[in-house]
PDB file of N, CA and C in Angstrom:
ATOM      1  N   MET A   1     -10.499   4.900 -18.637  1.00  0.00           N
ATOM      2  CA  MET A   1      -9.071   4.939 -18.809  1.00  0.00           C
ATOM      3  C   MET A   1      -8.511   3.522 -18.750  1.00  0.00           C
ATOM      4  N   ALA A   2      -7.688   3.160 -19.718  1.00  0.00           N
ATOM      5  CA  ALA A   2      -7.086   1.835 -19.773  1.00  0.00           C
ATOM      6  C   ALA A   2      -5.821   1.788 -18.926  1.00  0.00           C
ATOM      7  N   ALA A   3      -5.578   0.623 -18.358  1.00  0.00           N
ATOM      8  CA  ALA A   3      -4.340   0.387 -17.604  1.00  0.00           C
ATOM      9  C   ALA A   3      -3.595  -0.751 -18.294  1.00  0.00           C
ATOM     10  N   ILE A   4      -2.319  -0.537 -18.565  1.00  0.00           N
ATOM     11  CA  ILE A   4      -1.498  -1.540 -19.230  1.00  0.00           C
ATOM     12  C   ILE A   4      -0.244  -1.764 -18.395  1.00  0.00           C
ATOM     13  N   VAL A   5       0.118  -3.022 -18.233  1.00  0.00           N
ATOM     14  CA  VAL A   5       1.385  -3.365 -17.598  1.00  0.00           C
ATOM     15  C   VAL A   5       2.084  -4.400 -18.479  1.00  0.00           C
ATOM     16  N   TYR A   6       3.366  -4.200 -18.701  1.00  0.00           N
ATOM     17  CA  TYR A   6       4.197  -5.099 -19.495  1.00  0.00           C
ATOM     18  C   TYR A   6       5.157  -5.820 -18.561  1.00  0.00           C
ATOM     19  N   PHE A   7       5.567  -7.033 -18.946  1.00  0.00           N
ATOM     20  CA  PHE A   7       6.545  -7.763 -18.150  1.00  0.00           C
ATOM     21  C   PHE A   7       7.427  -8.611 -19.054  1.00  0.00           C
ATOM     22  N   ARG A   8       8.643  -8.885 -18.551  1.00  0.00           N
ATOM     23  CA  ARG A   8       9.611  -9.688 -19.302  1.00  0.00           C
ATOM     24  C   ARG A   8      10.446 -10.485 -18.303  1.00  0.00           C
ATOM     25  N   LYS A   9      10.575 -11.793 -18.551  1.00  0.00           N
ATOM     26  CA  LYS A   9      11.382 -12.651 -17.683  1.00  0.00           C
ATOM     27  C   LYS A   9      12.853 -12.299 -17.849  1.00  0.00           C
ATOM     28  N   ILE A  10      13.559 -12.179 -16.711  1.00  0.00           N
ATOM     29  CA  ILE A  10      14.986 -11.884 -16.782  1.00  0.00           C
ATOM     30  C   ILE A  10      15.839 -13.000 -16.199  1.00  0.00           C
ATOM     31  N   SER A  11      15.253 -13.870 -15.366  1.00  0.00           N
ATOM     32  CA  SER A  11      15.995 -15.028 -14.868  1.00  0.00           C
ATOM     33  C   SER A  11      15.023 -16.059 -14.318  1.00  0.00           C
ATOM     34  N   GLU A  12      15.500 -17.302 -14.269  1.00  0.00           N
ATOM     35  CA  GLU A  12      14.684 -18.385 -13.742  1.00  0.00           C
ATOM     36  C   GLU A  12      15.603 -19.423 -13.130  1.00  0.00           C
ATOM     37  N   THR A  13      15.301 -19.824 -11.889  1.00  0.00           N
ATOM     38  CA  THR A  13      16.030 -20.884 -11.209  1.00  0.00           C
ATOM     39  C   THR A  13      15.022 -21.968 -10.843  1.00  0.00           C
ATOM     40  N   ASP A  14      15.476 -22.980 -10.137  1.00  0.00           N
ATOM     41  CA  ASP A  14      14.563 -24.038  -9.699  1.00  0.00           C
ATOM     42  C   ASP A  14      13.518 -23.514  -8.720  1.00  0.00           C
ATOM     43  N   ASP A  15      13.840 -22.426  -8.008  1.00  0.00           N
ATOM     44  CA  ASP A  15      12.945 -21.904  -6.967  1.00  0.00           C
ATOM     45  C   ASP A  15      12.205 -20.623  -7.342  1.00  0.00           C
ATOM     46  N   LEU A  16      12.842 -19.763  -8.157  1.00  0.00           N
ATOM     47  CA  LEU A  16      12.308 -18.426  -8.400  1.00  0.00           C
ATOM     48  C   LEU A  16      12.328 -18.057  -9.877  1.00  0.00           C
ATOM     49  N   VAL A  17      11.396 -17.180 -10.249  1.00  0.00           N
ATOM     50  CA  VAL A  17      11.382 -16.574 -11.581  1.00  0.00           C
ATOM     51  C   VAL A  17      11.346 -15.061 -11.366  1.00  0.00           C
ATOM     52  N   GLU A  18      12.273 -14.356 -11.999  1.00  0.00           N
ATOM     53  CA  GLU A  18      12.341 -12.904 -11.826  1.00  0.00           C
ATOM     54  C   GLU A  18      11.914 -12.202 -13.112  1.00  0.00           C
ATOM     55  N   TYR A  19      11.116 -11.157 -12.943  1.00  0.00           N
ATOM     56  CA  TYR A  19      10.595 -10.375 -14.063  1.00  0.00           C
ATOM     57  C   TYR A  19      10.880  -8.895 -13.867  1.00  0.00           C
ATOM     58  N   GLU A  20      11.063  -8.203 -14.997  1.00  0.00           N
ATOM     59  CA  GLU A  20      11.005  -6.751 -15.045  1.00  0.00           C
ATOM     60  C   GLU A  20       9.571  -6.423 -15.428  1.00  0.00           C
ATOM     61  N   PHE A  21       9.040  -5.306 -14.922  1.00  0.00           N
ATOM     62  CA  PHE A  21       7.680  -4.922 -15.298  1.00  0.00           C
ATOM     63  C   PHE A  21       7.514  -3.416 -15.200  1.00  0.00           C
ATOM     64  N   GLY A  22       6.473  -2.922 -15.855  1.00  0.00           N
ATOM     65  CA  GLY A  22       6.156  -1.503 -15.807  1.00  0.00           C
ATOM     66  C   GLY A  22       5.151  -1.137 -16.878  1.00  0.00           C
ATOM     67  N   ASP A  23       4.868   0.147 -16.992  1.00  0.00           N
ATOM     68  CA  ASP A  23       3.853   0.602 -17.948  1.00  0.00           C
ATOM     69  C   ASP A  23       4.433   1.068 -19.275  1.00  0.00           C
ATOM     70  N   ASP A  24       5.753   1.007 -19.441  1.00  0.00           N
ATOM     71  CA  ASP A  24       6.412   1.371 -20.687  1.00  0.00           C
ATOM     72  C   ASP A  24       7.253   0.177 -21.148  1.00  0.00           C
ATOM     73  N   PRO A  25       6.903  -0.457 -22.263  1.00  0.00           N
ATOM     74  CA  PRO A  25       7.613  -1.679 -22.682  1.00  0.00           C
ATOM     75  C   PRO A  25       9.094  -1.448 -22.989  1.00  0.00           C
ATOM     76  N   ASP A  26       9.473  -0.219 -23.254  1.00  0.00           N
ATOM     77  CA  ASP A  26      10.872   0.093 -23.549  1.00  0.00           C
ATOM     78  C   ASP A  26      11.655   0.509 -22.302  1.00  0.00           C
ATOM     79  N   ASN A  27      10.979   0.591 -21.169  1.00  0.00           N
ATOM     80  CA  ASN A  27      11.635   1.049 -19.952  1.00  0.00           C
ATOM     81  C   ASN A  27      11.007   0.357 -18.742  1.00  0.00           C
ATOM     82  N   LEU A  28      11.289  -0.928 -18.586  1.00  0.00           N
ATOM     83  CA  LEU A  28      10.750  -1.705 -17.474  1.00  0.00           C
ATOM     84  C   LEU A  28      11.697  -1.560 -16.287  1.00  0.00           C
ATOM     85  N   GLU A  29      11.376  -0.658 -15.384  1.00  0.00           N
ATOM     86  CA  GLU A  29      12.286  -0.291 -14.300  1.00  0.00           C
ATOM     87  C   GLU A  29      12.093  -1.075 -13.021  1.00  0.00           C
ATOM     88  N   ARG A  30      10.966  -1.732 -12.859  1.00  0.00           N
ATOM     89  CA  ARG A  30      10.682  -2.435 -11.603  1.00  0.00           C
ATOM     90  C   ARG A  30      10.884  -3.939 -11.785  1.00  0.00           C
ATOM     91  N   ARG A  31      11.059  -4.640 -10.650  1.00  0.00           N
ATOM     92  CA  ARG A  31      11.255  -6.090 -10.702  1.00  0.00           C
ATOM     93  C   ARG A  31      10.377  -6.781  -9.671  1.00  0.00           C
ATOM     94  N   LEU A  32       9.946  -7.970 -10.052  1.00  0.00           N
ATOM     95  CA  LEU A  32       9.224  -8.820  -9.115  1.00  0.00           C
ATOM     96  C   LEU A  32       9.756 -10.238  -9.238  1.00  0.00           C
ATOM     97  N   THR A  33       9.605 -10.979  -8.150  1.00  0.00           N
ATOM     98  CA  THR A  33      10.054 -12.365  -8.100  1.00  0.00           C
ATOM     99  C   THR A  33       8.862 -13.256  -7.802  1.00  0.00           C
ATOM    100  N   MET A  34       8.707 -14.312  -8.584  1.00  0.00           N
ATOM    101  CA  MET A  34       7.658 -15.301  -8.360  1.00  0.00           C
ATOM    102  C   MET A  34       8.285 -16.528  -7.713  1.00  0.00           C
ATOM    103  N   ASP A  35       7.713 -16.996  -6.627  1.00  0.00           N
ATOM    104  CA  ASP A  35       8.131 -18.237  -5.993  1.00  0.00           C
ATOM    105  C   ASP A  35       7.458 -19.374  -6.742  1.00  0.00           C
ATOM    106  N   ARG A  36       8.245 -20.246  -7.340  1.00  0.00           N
ATOM    107  CA  ARG A  36       7.689 -21.301  -8.187  1.00  0.00           C
ATOM    108  C   ARG A  36       6.822 -22.285  -7.406  1.00  0.00           C
ATOM    109  N   ALA A  37       7.176 -22.580  -6.178  1.00  0.00           N
ATOM    110  CA  ALA A  37       6.424 -23.564  -5.389  1.00  0.00           C
ATOM    111  C   ALA A  37       5.063 -23.031  -4.947  1.00  0.00           C
ATOM    112  N   SER A  38       5.045 -21.800  -4.437  1.00  0.00           N
ATOM    113  CA  SER A  38       3.800 -21.253  -3.889  1.00  0.00           C
ATOM    114  C   SER A  38       3.062 -20.333  -4.848  1.00  0.00           C
ATOM    115  N   CYS A  39       3.723 -19.953  -5.954  1.00  0.00           N
ATOM    116  CA  CYS A  39       3.160 -19.004  -6.927  1.00  0.00           C
ATOM    117  C   CYS A  39       2.839 -17.648  -6.288  1.00  0.00           C
ATOM    118  N   THR A  40       3.590 -17.287  -5.267  1.00  0.00           N
ATOM    119  CA  THR A  40       3.443 -15.973  -4.658  1.00  0.00           C
ATOM    120  C   THR A  40       4.503 -15.039  -5.221  1.00  0.00           C
ATOM    121  N   SER A  41       4.203 -13.764  -5.203  1.00  0.00           N
ATOM    122  CA  SER A  41       5.118 -12.786  -5.783  1.00  0.00           C
ATOM    123  C   SER A  41       5.581 -11.786  -4.731  1.00  0.00           C
ATOM    124  N   THR A  42       6.777 -11.264  -4.976  1.00  0.00           N
ATOM    125  CA  THR A  42       7.366 -10.241  -4.123  1.00  0.00           C
ATOM    126  C   THR A  42       7.908  -9.148  -5.027  1.00  0.00           C
ATOM    127  N   VAL A  43       7.582  -7.918  -4.713  1.00  0.00           N
ATOM    128  CA  VAL A  43       8.096  -6.793  -5.488  1.00  0.00           C
ATOM    129  C   VAL A  43       9.374  -6.303  -4.822  1.00  0.00           C
ATOM    130  N   GLN A  44      10.407  -6.061  -5.598  1.00  0.00           N
ATOM    131  CA  GLN A  44      11.706  -5.732  -5.027  1.00  0.00           C
ATOM    132  C   GLN A  44      11.774  -4.338  -4.423  1.00  0.00           C
ATOM    133  N   ASP A  45      10.975  -3.398  -4.933  1.00  0.00           N
ATOM    134  CA  ASP A  45      11.017  -2.043  -4.368  1.00  0.00           C
ATOM    135  C   ASP A  45      10.029  -1.865  -3.216  1.00  0.00           C
ATOM    136  N   GLU A  46       9.364  -2.941  -2.816  1.00  0.00           N
ATOM    137  CA  GLU A  46       8.408  -2.969  -1.704  1.00  0.00           C
ATOM    138  C   GLU A  46       7.194  -2.064  -1.915  1.00  0.00           C
ATOM    139  N   GLN A  47       6.971  -1.621  -3.154  1.00  0.00           N
ATOM    140  CA  GLN A  47       5.827  -0.767  -3.475  1.00  0.00           C
ATOM    141  C   GLN A  47       4.711  -1.646  -4.036  1.00  0.00           C
ATOM    142  N   VAL A  48       3.827  -2.088  -3.163  1.00  0.00           N
ATOM    143  CA  VAL A  48       2.699  -2.925  -3.569  1.00  0.00           C
ATOM    144  C   VAL A  48       1.598  -1.993  -4.067  1.00  0.00           C
ATOM    145  N   ASP A  49       1.506  -1.886  -5.392  1.00  0.00           N
ATOM    146  CA  ASP A  49       0.540  -0.983  -6.001  1.00  0.00           C
ATOM    147  C   ASP A  49      -0.213  -1.719  -7.106  1.00  0.00           C
ATOM    148  N   TYR A  50      -1.069  -0.993  -7.792  1.00  0.00           N
ATOM    149  CA  TYR A  50      -1.909  -1.585  -8.832  1.00  0.00           C
ATOM    150  C   TYR A  50      -1.073  -2.230  -9.940  1.00  0.00           C
ATOM    151  N   THR A  51      -0.001  -1.582 -10.352  1.00  0.00           N
ATOM    152  CA  THR A  51       0.841  -2.115 -11.430  1.00  0.00           C
ATOM    153  C   THR A  51       1.457  -3.441 -11.032  1.00  0.00           C
ATOM    154  N   PHE A  52       1.984  -3.526  -9.822  1.00  0.00           N
ATOM    155  CA  PHE A  52       2.547  -4.782  -9.324  1.00  0.00           C
ATOM    156  C   PHE A  52       1.485  -5.873  -9.248  1.00  0.00           C
ATOM    157  N   LEU A  53       0.343  -5.557  -8.664  1.00  0.00           N
ATOM    158  CA  LEU A  53      -0.720  -6.560  -8.518  1.00  0.00           C
ATOM    159  C   LEU A  53      -1.207  -7.044  -9.879  1.00  0.00           C
ATOM    160  N   LYS A  54      -1.341  -6.138 -10.823  1.00  0.00           N
ATOM    161  CA  LYS A  54      -1.793  -6.497 -12.171  1.00  0.00           C
ATOM    162  C   LYS A  54      -0.792  -7.428 -12.847  1.00  0.00           C
ATOM    163  N   ALA A  55       0.506  -7.124 -12.751  1.00  0.00           N
ATOM    164  CA  ALA A  55       1.536  -7.978 -13.338  1.00  0.00           C
ATOM    165  C   ALA A  55       1.535  -9.353 -12.673  1.00  0.00           C
ATOM    166  N   SER A  56       1.485  -9.372 -11.362  1.00  0.00           N
ATOM    167  CA  SER A  56       1.509 -10.627 -10.619  1.00  0.00           C
ATOM    168  C   SER A  56       0.317 -11.516 -10.960  1.00  0.00           C
ATOM    169  N   ARG A  57      -0.842 -10.937 -11.015  1.00  0.00           N
ATOM    170  CA  ARG A  57      -2.053 -11.716 -11.334  1.00  0.00           C
ATOM    171  C   ARG A  57      -2.006 -12.267 -12.758  1.00  0.00           C
ATOM    172  N   LYS A  58      -1.535 -11.477 -13.697  1.00  0.00           N
ATOM    173  CA  LYS A  58      -1.447 -11.938 -15.086  1.00  0.00           C
ATOM    174  C   LYS A  58      -0.425 -13.055 -15.216  1.00  0.00           C
ATOM    175  N   LEU A  59       0.722 -12.916 -14.545  1.00  0.00           N
ATOM    176  CA  LEU A  59       1.737 -13.972 -14.576  1.00  0.00           C
ATOM    177  C   LEU A  59       1.185 -15.282 -14.021  1.00  0.00           C
ATOM    178  N   ASN A  60       0.480 -15.212 -12.908  1.00  0.00           N
ATOM    179  CA  ASN A  60      -0.115 -16.420 -12.336  1.00  0.00           C
ATOM    180  C   ASN A  60      -1.178 -17.011 -13.252  1.00  0.00           C
ATOM    181  N   ALA A  61      -1.985 -16.173 -13.874  1.00  0.00           N
ATOM    182  CA  ALA A  61      -3.019 -16.662 -14.787  1.00  0.00           C
ATOM    183  C   ALA A  61      -2.393 -17.375 -15.988  1.00  0.00           C
ATOM    184  N   LEU A  62      -1.345 -16.783 -16.560  1.00  0.00           N
ATOM    185  CA  LEU A  62      -0.684 -17.411 -17.710  1.00  0.00           C
ATOM    186  C   LEU A  62       0.005 -18.708 -17.306  1.00  0.00           C
ATOM    187  N   HIS A  63       0.612 -18.724 -16.128  1.00  0.00           N
ATOM    188  CA  HIS A  63       1.257 -19.949 -15.644  1.00  0.00           C
ATOM    189  C   HIS A  63       0.227 -21.063 -15.450  1.00  0.00           C
ATOM    190  N   THR A  64      -0.897 -20.727 -14.875  1.00  0.00           N
ATOM    191  CA  THR A  64      -1.963 -21.708 -14.667  1.00  0.00           C
ATOM    192  C   THR A  64      -2.491 -22.227 -16.001  1.00  0.00           C
ATOM    193  N   GLU A  65      -2.663 -21.338 -16.951  1.00  0.00           N
ATOM    194  CA  GLU A  65      -3.206 -21.687 -18.268  1.00  0.00           C
ATOM    195  C   GLU A  65      -2.233 -22.535 -19.088  1.00  0.00           C
ATOM    196  N   ARG A  66      -0.946 -22.186 -19.067  1.00  0.00           N
ATOM    197  CA  ARG A  66       0.036 -22.814 -19.962  1.00  0.00           C
ATOM    198  C   ARG A  66       0.944 -23.843 -19.291  1.00  0.00           C
ATOM    199  N   GLY A  67       1.048 -23.767 -17.966  1.00  0.00           N
ATOM    200  CA  GLY A  67       1.915 -24.705 -17.252  1.00  0.00           C
ATOM    201  C   GLY A  67       3.384 -24.306 -17.244  1.00  0.00           C
ATOM    202  N   VAL A  68       3.717 -23.157 -17.778  1.00  0.00           N
ATOM    203  CA  VAL A  68       5.084 -22.637 -17.775  1.00  0.00           C
ATOM    204  C   VAL A  68       5.012 -21.143 -17.461  1.00  0.00           C
ATOM    205  N   TRP A  69       6.128 -20.611 -16.946  1.00  0.00           N
ATOM    206  CA  TRP A  69       6.197 -19.167 -16.705  1.00  0.00           C
ATOM    207  C   TRP A  69       6.474 -18.468 -18.016  1.00  0.00           C
ATOM    208  N   PRO A  70       5.671 -17.469 -18.384  1.00  0.00           N
ATOM    209  CA  PRO A  70       5.827 -16.808 -19.682  1.00  0.00           C
ATOM    210  C   PRO A  70       7.133 -16.020 -19.783  1.00  0.00           C
ATOM    211  N   GLU A  71       7.638 -15.928 -20.997  1.00  0.00           N
ATOM    212  CA  GLU A  71       8.855 -15.153 -21.261  1.00  0.00           C
ATOM    213  C   GLU A  71       8.571 -13.654 -21.194  1.00  0.00           C
ATOM    214  N   ARG A  72       7.414 -13.262 -21.679  1.00  0.00           N
ATOM    215  CA  ARG A  72       7.019 -11.855 -21.704  1.00  0.00           C
ATOM    216  C   ARG A  72       5.516 -11.776 -21.895  1.00  0.00           C
ATOM    217  N   GLY A  73       4.984 -10.594 -21.705  1.00  0.00           N
ATOM    218  CA  GLY A  73       3.555 -10.422 -21.927  1.00  0.00           C
ATOM    219  C   GLY A  73       3.094  -9.069 -21.441  1.00  0.00           C
ATOM    220  N   MET A  74       1.779  -8.928 -21.418  1.00  0.00           N
ATOM    221  CA  MET A  74       1.175  -7.686 -20.958  1.00  0.00           C
ATOM    222  C   MET A  74      -0.232  -7.969 -20.460  1.00  0.00           C
ATOM    223  N   SER A  75      -0.741  -7.047 -19.692  1.00  0.00           N
ATOM    224  CA  SER A  75      -2.103  -7.128 -19.201  1.00  0.00           C
ATOM    225  C   SER A  75      -2.761  -5.779 -19.436  1.00  0.00           C
ATOM    226  N   VAL A  76      -3.957  -5.820 -19.979  1.00  0.00           N
ATOM    227  CA  VAL A  76      -4.711  -4.597 -20.302  1.00  0.00           C
ATOM    228  C   VAL A  76      -6.069  -4.686 -19.640  1.00  0.00           C
ATOM    229  N   SER A  77      -6.473  -3.591 -19.031  1.00  0.00           N
ATOM    230  CA  SER A  77      -7.846  -3.553 -18.476  1.00  0.00           C
ATOM    231  C   SER A  77      -8.413  -2.161 -18.663  1.00  0.00           C
TER     232      SER A  77
END
């Protein structure tokens, strides 16, 4: 069974980057915040689950690879 998570940047400040994420690209109901300095993530609904971890890891991987926080993307496994 494949797992897919989509994400889209909704805001960015000097300290934080906020994303919407979820398993339906047309209905991203959850949000996470990335701390730009530490590259750590916090989920706003406090539900630390596979979808959150998958989105967070992909965002960090893309940031490391490209040097910028991505505007949008997805992770498939």
